Amino acid sequence: MTTHILVLADTHVSTLSQLPRRLTELVREVDRVVHCGDFTDMRVLEELRSLAKDFVGVYGNTDPPEIRQQLPAEATFEVHGKRIAVFHPYWGGSPRGIEDEMVARYPDAHVILFGHTHDPLVETRNGILLLNPGQSYPTFITQAQVGILKVTPEEVTARLFSLDNAELF
């Protein structure tokens, strides 16, 4: 049995309709959606919660008080025996070195999902899979991106995708 998890972060919009249409389709297709902070508008949180089969989210440093009241600063959950941590440095600050900080913060995690840097990353450190999906909104320099986690009882794999891609799994 495979569980597909859509991972997004740093949406920085006021509604999902401002993001590529493929994102909304993916939210409906996957088993779980994880948002790693910086929604910036309560409507984005509400839309994701209403469209997703299952939703996990944390607030980020640019999120307003109403989002901070709805979501935790960090979250952990388990899928097929794999411990997954979700984090966004809610205090802001420099994104440099946050990967090492997160590995130290969640030493028992199999996977750490995070935002804040806007730089997509799939990397393993100290046996922990790190996934930052990058930013989920497009700019003239960067395409909108997401991550997909495939979790089975045997393994976890992660891939990054541009929202221009038609097929993810």
C-alpha atoms as a PDB file:
ATOM      1  CA  MET A   1       0.000   0.000   0.000  1.00  0.00           C
ATOM      2  CA  THR A   2       1.356   3.414  -1.003  1.00  0.00           C
ATOM      3  CA  THR A   3       0.328   6.721   0.532  1.00  0.00           C
ATOM      4  CA  HIS A   4       0.886   9.813  -1.631  1.00  0.00           C
ATOM      5  CA  ILE A   5       1.475  13.070   0.219  1.00  0.00           C
ATOM      6  CA  LEU A   6       1.521  16.431  -1.530  1.00  0.00           C
ATOM      7  CA  VAL A   7       3.935  18.830   0.178  1.00  0.00           C
ATOM      8  CA  LEU A   8       3.745  22.555  -0.421  1.00  0.00           C
ATOM      9  CA  ALA A   9       5.036  25.660   1.312  1.00  0.00           C
ATOM     10  CA  ASP A  10       5.351  29.395   0.968  1.00  0.00           C
ATOM     11  CA  THR A  11       2.221  29.924  -1.105  1.00  0.00           C
ATOM     12  CA  HIS A  12       2.126  33.676  -0.333  1.00  0.00           C
ATOM     13  CA  VAL A  13      -1.231  34.261  -2.053  1.00  0.00           C
ATOM     14  CA  SER A  14      -4.725  35.180  -0.919  1.00  0.00           C
ATOM     15  CA  THR A  15      -6.544  32.305  -2.673  1.00  0.00           C
ATOM     16  CA  LEU A  16      -5.638  29.016  -4.364  1.00  0.00           C
ATOM     17  CA  SER A  17      -7.021  30.371  -7.640  1.00  0.00           C
ATOM     18  CA  GLN A  18      -3.888  32.551  -7.857  1.00  0.00           C
ATOM     19  CA  LEU A  19      -1.720  29.423  -8.112  1.00  0.00           C
ATOM     20  CA  PRO A  20      -1.423  27.064 -11.091  1.00  0.00           C
ATOM     21  CA  ARG A  21      -4.635  25.084 -11.631  1.00  0.00           C
ATOM     22  CA  ARG A  22      -2.699  21.805 -11.403  1.00  0.00           C
ATOM     23  CA  LEU A  23      -2.198  22.410  -7.670  1.00  0.00           C
ATOM     24  CA  THR A  24      -5.923  22.232  -6.938  1.00  0.00           C
ATOM     25  CA  GLU A  25      -6.194  19.046  -8.988  1.00  0.00           C
ATOM     26  CA  LEU A  26      -3.329  17.470  -7.038  1.00  0.00           C
ATOM     27  CA  VAL A  27      -4.852  18.458  -3.693  1.00  0.00           C
ATOM     28  CA  ARG A  28      -7.906  16.393  -4.625  1.00  0.00           C
ATOM     29  CA  GLU A  29      -5.877  13.429  -5.982  1.00  0.00           C
ATOM     30  CA  VAL A  30      -3.441  12.685  -3.154  1.00  0.00           C
ATOM     31  CA  ASP A  31      -4.089  10.919   0.141  1.00  0.00           C
ATOM     32  CA  ARG A  32      -2.812  13.786   2.300  1.00  0.00           C
ATOM     33  CA  VAL A  33      -1.768  17.407   1.851  1.00  0.00           C
ATOM     34  CA  VAL A  34       0.931  18.993   4.015  1.00  0.00           C
ATOM     35  CA  HIS A  35       1.514  22.750   3.977  1.00  0.00           C
ATOM     36  CA  CYS A  36       4.808  23.802   5.568  1.00  0.00           C
ATOM     37  CA  GLY A  37       3.823  27.379   6.443  1.00  0.00           C
ATOM     38  CA  ASP A  38       3.512  30.876   4.986  1.00  0.00           C
ATOM     39  CA  PHE A  39      -0.028  30.628   3.645  1.00  0.00           C
ATOM     40  CA  THR A  40      -0.332  34.414   4.280  1.00  0.00           C
ATOM     41  CA  ASP A  41      -4.138  34.362   3.951  1.00  0.00           C
ATOM     42  CA  MET A  42      -6.786  32.430   5.870  1.00  0.00           C
ATOM     43  CA  ARG A  43      -8.656  31.635   2.630  1.00  0.00           C
ATOM     44  CA  VAL A  44      -5.781  29.460   1.418  1.00  0.00           C
ATOM     45  CA  LEU A  45      -5.928  27.400   4.624  1.00  0.00           C
ATOM     46  CA  GLU A  46      -9.715  27.081   4.391  1.00  0.00           C
ATOM     47  CA  GLU A  47      -9.583  26.054   0.723  1.00  0.00           C
ATOM     48  CA  LEU A  48      -6.922  23.410   1.348  1.00  0.00           C
ATOM     49  CA  ARG A  49      -8.848  21.993   4.291  1.00  0.00           C
ATOM     50  CA  SER A  50     -12.043  21.779   2.245  1.00  0.00           C
ATOM     51  CA  LEU A  51     -10.430  20.158  -0.825  1.00  0.00           C
ATOM     52  CA  ALA A  52      -7.951  17.735   0.765  1.00  0.00           C
ATOM     53  CA  LYS A  53      -8.876  14.219   1.899  1.00  0.00           C
ATOM     54  CA  ASP A  54      -6.549  14.758   4.864  1.00  0.00           C
ATOM     55  CA  PHE A  55      -4.641  17.916   5.805  1.00  0.00           C
ATOM     56  CA  VAL A  56      -1.671  18.781   8.038  1.00  0.00           C
ATOM     57  CA  GLY A  57      -0.286  22.294   8.288  1.00  0.00           C
ATOM     58  CA  VAL A  58       1.913  24.549  10.375  1.00  0.00           C
ATOM     59  CA  TYR A  59       2.094  28.317  10.433  1.00  0.00           C
ATOM     60  CA  GLY A  60       5.053  30.281   9.142  1.00  0.00           C
ATOM     61  CA  ASN A  61       6.685  33.581   9.944  1.00  0.00           C
ATOM     62  CA  THR A  62       4.472  35.614   7.564  1.00  0.00           C
ATOM     63  CA  ASP A  63       1.164  34.095   8.642  1.00  0.00           C
ATOM     64  CA  PRO A  64      -1.377  36.360  10.368  1.00  0.00           C
ATOM     65  CA  PRO A  65      -2.808  35.747  13.853  1.00  0.00           C
ATOM     66  CA  GLU A  66      -5.943  33.965  12.565  1.00  0.00           C
ATOM     67  CA  ILE A  67      -3.805  31.276  10.914  1.00  0.00           C
ATOM     68  CA  ARG A  68      -1.578  31.016  13.993  1.00  0.00           C
ATOM     69  CA  GLN A  69      -4.694  30.372  16.071  1.00  0.00           C
ATOM     70  CA  GLN A  70      -5.776  27.556  13.734  1.00  0.00           C
ATOM     71  CA  LEU A  71      -2.461  25.730  13.276  1.00  0.00           C
ATOM     72  CA  PRO A  72       0.482  24.620  15.411  1.00  0.00           C
ATOM     73  CA  ALA A  73       4.026  25.938  15.024  1.00  0.00           C
ATOM     74  CA  GLU A  74       5.210  22.401  14.284  1.00  0.00           C
ATOM     75  CA  ALA A  75       3.564  19.034  13.717  1.00  0.00           C
ATOM     76  CA  THR A  76       4.469  15.371  13.644  1.00  0.00           C
ATOM     77  CA  PHE A  77       2.495  12.434  12.315  1.00  0.00           C
ATOM     78  CA  GLU A  78       3.064   8.847  11.294  1.00  0.00           C
ATOM     79  CA  VAL A  79       2.339   7.019   8.037  1.00  0.00           C
ATOM     80  CA  HIS A  80       3.069   3.292   7.678  1.00  0.00           C
ATOM     81  CA  GLY A  81       5.317   3.477  10.739  1.00  0.00           C
ATOM     82  CA  LYS A  82       7.363   6.392   9.389  1.00  0.00           C
ATOM     83  CA  ARG A  83       7.618   9.472  11.637  1.00  0.00           C
ATOM     84  CA  ILE A  84       7.213  12.716   9.701  1.00  0.00           C
ATOM     85  CA  ALA A  85       7.894  16.173  11.148  1.00  0.00           C
ATOM     86  CA  VAL A  86       6.590  19.424   9.645  1.00  0.00           C
ATOM     87  CA  PHE A  87       8.228  22.742  10.403  1.00  0.00           C
ATOM     88  CA  HIS A  88       8.620  26.370   9.335  1.00  0.00           C
ATOM     89  CA  PRO A  89      10.831  28.757  11.354  1.00  0.00           C
ATOM     90  CA  TYR A  90       7.893  30.811  12.618  1.00  0.00           C
ATOM     91  CA  TRP A  91      10.226  33.434  14.070  1.00  0.00           C
ATOM     92  CA  GLY A  92      11.636  34.170  10.610  1.00  0.00           C
ATOM     93  CA  GLY A  93      15.306  34.978  10.385  1.00  0.00           C
ATOM     94  CA  SER A  94      17.978  33.746   8.070  1.00  0.00           C
ATOM     95  CA  PRO A  95      17.270  30.454   6.314  1.00  0.00           C
ATOM     96  CA  ARG A  96      20.971  29.535   6.411  1.00  0.00           C
ATOM     97  CA  GLY A  97      21.678  26.357   8.326  1.00  0.00           C
ATOM     98  CA  ILE A  98      18.082  25.464   9.139  1.00  0.00           C
ATOM     99  CA  GLU A  99      18.576  21.953   7.759  1.00  0.00           C
ATOM    100  CA  ASP A 100      21.086  21.110  10.511  1.00  0.00           C
ATOM    101  CA  GLU A 101      18.875  22.783  13.097  1.00  0.00           C
ATOM    102  CA  MET A 102      15.893  20.650  12.056  1.00  0.00           C
ATOM    103  CA  VAL A 103      17.876  17.410  12.096  1.00  0.00           C
ATOM    104  CA  ALA A 104      18.927  18.257  15.663  1.00  0.00           C
ATOM    105  CA  ARG A 105      15.346  19.224  16.572  1.00  0.00           C
ATOM    106  CA  TYR A 106      13.792  15.982  15.201  1.00  0.00           C
ATOM    107  CA  PRO A 107      16.467  13.270  15.647  1.00  0.00           C
ATOM    108  CA  ASP A 108      13.868  10.461  15.684  1.00  0.00           C
ATOM    109  CA  ALA A 109      12.084  11.522  12.487  1.00  0.00           C
ATOM    110  CA  HIS A 110      12.323   9.530   9.281  1.00  0.00           C
ATOM    111  CA  VAL A 111      11.302  12.604   7.263  1.00  0.00           C
ATOM    112  CA  ILE A 112      11.322  16.363   7.878  1.00  0.00           C
ATOM    113  CA  LEU A 113       9.136  18.568   5.675  1.00  0.00           C
ATOM    114  CA  PHE A 114       9.875  22.286   5.830  1.00  0.00           C
ATOM    115  CA  GLY A 115       9.508  25.672   4.188  1.00  0.00           C
ATOM    116  CA  HIS A 116      10.935  29.191   4.619  1.00  0.00           C
ATOM    117  CA  THR A 117      13.940  29.107   2.301  1.00  0.00           C
ATOM    118  CA  HIS A 118      11.922  29.004  -0.964  1.00  0.00           C
ATOM    119  CA  ASP A 119      14.705  26.724  -2.251  1.00  0.00           C
ATOM    120  CA  PRO A 120      13.587  23.222  -3.232  1.00  0.00           C
ATOM    121  CA  LEU A 121      15.584  20.459  -1.585  1.00  0.00           C
ATOM    122  CA  VAL A 122      15.550  16.681  -1.316  1.00  0.00           C
ATOM    123  CA  GLU A 123      18.468  15.474   0.765  1.00  0.00           C
ATOM    124  CA  THR A 124      19.304  12.921   3.420  1.00  0.00           C
ATOM    125  CA  ARG A 125      21.221  14.012   6.533  1.00  0.00           C
ATOM    126  CA  ASN A 126      22.029  11.682   9.405  1.00  0.00           C
ATOM    127  CA  GLY A 127      19.620   9.157   7.905  1.00  0.00           C
ATOM    128  CA  ILE A 128      16.720  11.653   7.866  1.00  0.00           C
ATOM    129  CA  LEU A 129      15.067  12.559   4.563  1.00  0.00           C
ATOM    130  CA  LEU A 130      14.644  16.343   4.231  1.00  0.00           C
ATOM    131  CA  LEU A 131      12.113  17.783   1.786  1.00  0.00           C
ATOM    132  CA  ASN A 132      11.555  21.456   1.078  1.00  0.00           C
ATOM    133  CA  PRO A 133       9.150  21.845  -1.850  1.00  0.00           C
ATOM    134  CA  GLY A 134      10.317  25.372  -2.583  1.00  0.00           C
ATOM    135  CA  GLN A 135       7.742  28.042  -3.279  1.00  0.00           C
ATOM    136  CA  SER A 136       4.333  27.103  -4.596  1.00  0.00           C
ATOM    137  CA  TYR A 137       3.797  30.349  -6.505  1.00  0.00           C
ATOM    138  CA  PRO A 138       5.513  31.183  -9.793  1.00  0.00           C
ATOM    139  CA  THR A 139       7.703  34.196 -10.441  1.00  0.00           C
ATOM    140  CA  PHE A 140       9.526  35.287 -13.571  1.00  0.00           C
ATOM    141  CA  ILE A 141      12.606  33.489 -12.186  1.00  0.00           C
ATOM    142  CA  THR A 142      11.146  30.408 -10.483  1.00  0.00           C
ATOM    143  CA  GLN A 143       8.372  27.965 -11.406  1.00  0.00           C
ATOM    144  CA  ALA A 144       5.790  26.998  -8.816  1.00  0.00           C
ATOM    145  CA  GLN A 145       6.893  23.742  -7.209  1.00  0.00           C
ATOM    146  CA  VAL A 146       5.629  21.037  -4.905  1.00  0.00           C
ATOM    147  CA  GLY A 147       6.990  17.849  -3.442  1.00  0.00           C
ATOM    148  CA  ILE A 148       5.466  14.397  -3.478  1.00  0.00           C
ATOM    149  CA  LEU A 149       6.234  11.853  -0.768  1.00  0.00           C
ATOM    150  CA  LYS A 150       5.489   8.215  -1.506  1.00  0.00           C
ATOM    151  CA  VAL A 151       5.273   6.290   1.743  1.00  0.00           C
ATOM    152  CA  THR A 152       5.065   2.520   2.000  1.00  0.00           C
ATOM    153  CA  PRO A 153       5.745   0.270   4.990  1.00  0.00           C
ATOM    154  CA  GLU A 154       9.164  -0.424   3.454  1.00  0.00           C
ATOM    155  CA  GLU A 155      10.359   3.032   2.364  1.00  0.00           C
ATOM    156  CA  VAL A 156       9.790   6.732   1.831  1.00  0.00           C
ATOM    157  CA  THR A 157      10.746   8.462  -1.396  1.00  0.00           C
ATOM    158  CA  ALA A 158      10.526  12.141  -2.272  1.00  0.00           C
ATOM    159  CA  ARG A 159      10.517  14.019  -5.554  1.00  0.00           C
ATOM    160  CA  LEU A 160      10.162  17.643  -6.533  1.00  0.00           C
ATOM    161  CA  PHE A 161       7.900  18.743  -9.367  1.00  0.00           C
ATOM    162  CA  SER A 162       7.071  21.889 -11.222  1.00  0.00           C
ATOM    163  CA  LEU A 163       3.328  22.452 -11.256  1.00  0.00           C
ATOM    164  CA  ASP A 164       3.647  22.515 -15.043  1.00  0.00           C
ATOM    165  CA  ASN A 165       4.163  18.728 -14.991  1.00  0.00           C
ATOM    166  CA  ALA A 166       1.050  16.769 -15.905  1.00  0.00           C
ATOM    167  CA  GLU A 167       1.795  13.460 -14.158  1.00  0.00           C
ATOM    168  CA  LEU A 168       3.394  13.138 -10.733  1.00  0.00           C
ATOM    169  CA  PHE A 169       2.982   9.478  -9.858  1.00  0.00           C
END
